[in-house]
Amino acid sequence: MDLETIRNYALQKEGAEECFPFGADTLVYKAWGKIFMICGMDRHPPELNLKCLPERAIELREAYSSIVPGYHMNKKHWNTVCADHSIPRELVFELIDHSYELVAPKKKKK
């Protein structure tokens, strides 16, 4: 999976923005001021830091060697995902969605 595909997918989300608070080599994606994805521009294949519910984070790490505790992040709530061919493309998108949903405002029930 290439970085441009990942960028386009993240930016199509409501409220998503791209910024560089950690330097020119690190893409940061926020929604409503909260980070949901961090991606180094110098990694091939891309490596993404994504938020994750703690129970699911452990399950993913056990199932995929390309998913490890979040690099430079809270290991309980973040995973680093190497978007190589060992992880299905659909799962990478699903994990981006999951991370985004964790920072998105909760919809109030009527």
Protein backbone atom coordinates (compact mmCIF):
# COMPACT_ATOMS: atom_id res chain seq x y z
CA MET A 1 0.00 0.00 0.00
CA ASP A 2 1.40 3.40 -0.88
CA LEU A 3 1.44 6.60 1.17
CA GLU A 4 -0.66 8.58 -1.32
CA THR A 5 -3.53 6.07 -1.07
CA ILE A 6 -3.39 6.29 2.73
CA ARG A 7 -3.29 10.12 2.67
CA ASN A 8 -6.26 10.35 0.33
CA TYR A 9 -8.26 7.90 2.43
CA ALA A 10 -7.59 9.79 5.68
CA LEU A 11 -8.31 13.22 4.20
CA GLN A 12 -11.72 12.24 2.81
CA LYS A 13 -13.01 11.83 6.39
CA GLU A 14 -15.25 14.54 7.81
CA GLY A 15 -13.24 17.14 9.74
CA ALA A 16 -9.88 15.58 8.77
CA GLU A 17 -6.82 17.76 8.29
CA GLU A 18 -3.15 17.10 7.61
CA CYS A 19 -0.42 18.95 9.48
CA PHE A 20 3.27 18.73 10.40
CA PRO A 21 3.63 19.55 14.14
CA PHE A 22 6.54 17.11 14.57
CA GLY A 23 8.60 18.21 11.57
CA ALA A 24 8.56 18.01 7.79
CA ASP A 25 9.03 14.20 7.74
CA THR A 26 5.98 13.29 9.83
CA LEU A 27 2.43 13.57 8.55
CA VAL A 28 -0.17 14.02 11.30
CA TYR A 29 -3.87 13.59 10.69
CA LYS A 30 -6.35 15.21 13.03
CA ALA A 31 -10.10 15.44 13.21
CA TRP A 32 -11.67 18.08 15.43
CA GLY A 33 -8.21 18.86 16.83
CA LYS A 34 -7.47 15.27 17.89
CA ILE A 35 -4.82 13.07 16.31
CA PHE A 36 -6.05 9.86 14.73
CA MET A 37 -3.06 8.93 12.54
CA ILE A 38 0.65 9.66 12.35
CA CYS A 39 2.72 8.55 9.39
CA GLY A 40 6.42 8.98 8.69
CA MET A 41 7.08 10.07 5.12
CA ASP A 42 10.41 8.24 4.97
CA ARG A 43 9.08 4.70 5.54
CA HIS A 44 8.52 2.21 2.71
CA PRO A 45 6.16 0.49 3.15
CA PRO A 46 4.35 3.16 5.16
CA GLU A 47 4.16 2.78 8.94
CA LEU A 48 1.10 4.28 10.60
CA ASN A 49 0.48 5.03 14.24
CA LEU A 50 -3.23 4.49 14.83
CA LYS A 51 -5.40 4.75 17.93
CA CYS A 52 -7.04 1.52 19.01
CA LEU A 53 -9.16 0.21 21.83
CA PRO A 54 -6.81 -1.60 24.25
CA GLU A 55 -8.43 -5.05 23.92
CA ARG A 56 -8.41 -4.89 20.15
CA ALA A 57 -4.84 -3.58 20.07
CA ILE A 58 -3.63 -6.73 21.84
CA GLU A 59 -5.64 -9.01 19.53
CA LEU A 60 -4.20 -7.33 16.43
CA ARG A 61 -0.61 -7.56 17.73
CA GLU A 62 -1.08 -11.26 18.37
CA ALA A 63 -2.59 -11.87 14.93
CA TYR A 64 -0.15 -9.83 12.78
CA SER A 65 3.61 -9.48 13.14
CA SER A 66 3.34 -6.17 11.22
CA ILE A 67 1.27 -4.62 14.03
CA VAL A 68 3.24 -3.65 17.14
CA PRO A 69 2.78 -1.33 20.13
CA GLY A 70 2.71 2.32 19.03
CA TYR A 71 6.16 3.79 18.41
CA HIS A 72 6.67 6.83 20.68
CA MET A 73 3.02 6.58 21.75
CA ASN A 74 0.99 5.23 24.66
CA LYS A 75 1.39 1.49 24.01
CA LYS A 76 -2.02 0.74 25.53
CA HIS A 77 -3.98 2.94 23.11
CA TRP A 78 -1.81 3.08 19.96
CA ASN A 79 -0.49 0.56 17.44
CA THR A 80 2.12 0.98 14.76
CA VAL A 81 0.90 -0.70 11.59
CA CYS A 82 3.36 -1.51 8.82
CA ALA A 83 1.17 -1.31 5.71
CA ASP A 84 3.00 -4.08 3.90
CA HIS A 85 1.52 -7.02 2.00
CA SER A 86 1.16 -9.15 5.14
CA ILE A 87 -1.88 -7.11 6.20
CA PRO A 88 -4.95 -7.00 3.95
CA ARG A 89 -5.57 -3.57 2.42
CA GLU A 90 -9.14 -3.65 3.75
CA LEU A 91 -7.82 -4.15 7.30
CA VAL A 92 -5.54 -1.11 7.01
CA PHE A 93 -8.56 0.99 5.98
CA GLU A 94 -10.63 -0.55 8.78
CA LEU A 95 -7.94 0.36 11.33
CA ILE A 96 -7.79 3.94 10.03
CA ASP A 97 -11.59 4.09 10.38
CA HIS A 98 -11.42 2.69 13.91
CA SER A 99 -8.82 5.25 14.94
CA TYR A 100 -10.85 8.07 13.40
CA GLU A 101 -14.02 6.92 15.16
CA LEU A 102 -12.23 7.02 18.51
CA VAL A 103 -11.59 10.77 18.13
CA ALA A 104 -14.81 11.74 16.32
CA PRO A 105 -17.49 13.50 18.34
CA LYS A 106 -20.05 11.07 19.68
CA LYS A 107 -23.46 11.38 18.06
CA LYS A 108 -26.24 12.10 20.54
CA LYS A 109 -29.25 9.84 20.49
CA LYS A 110 -32.62 11.57 20.08
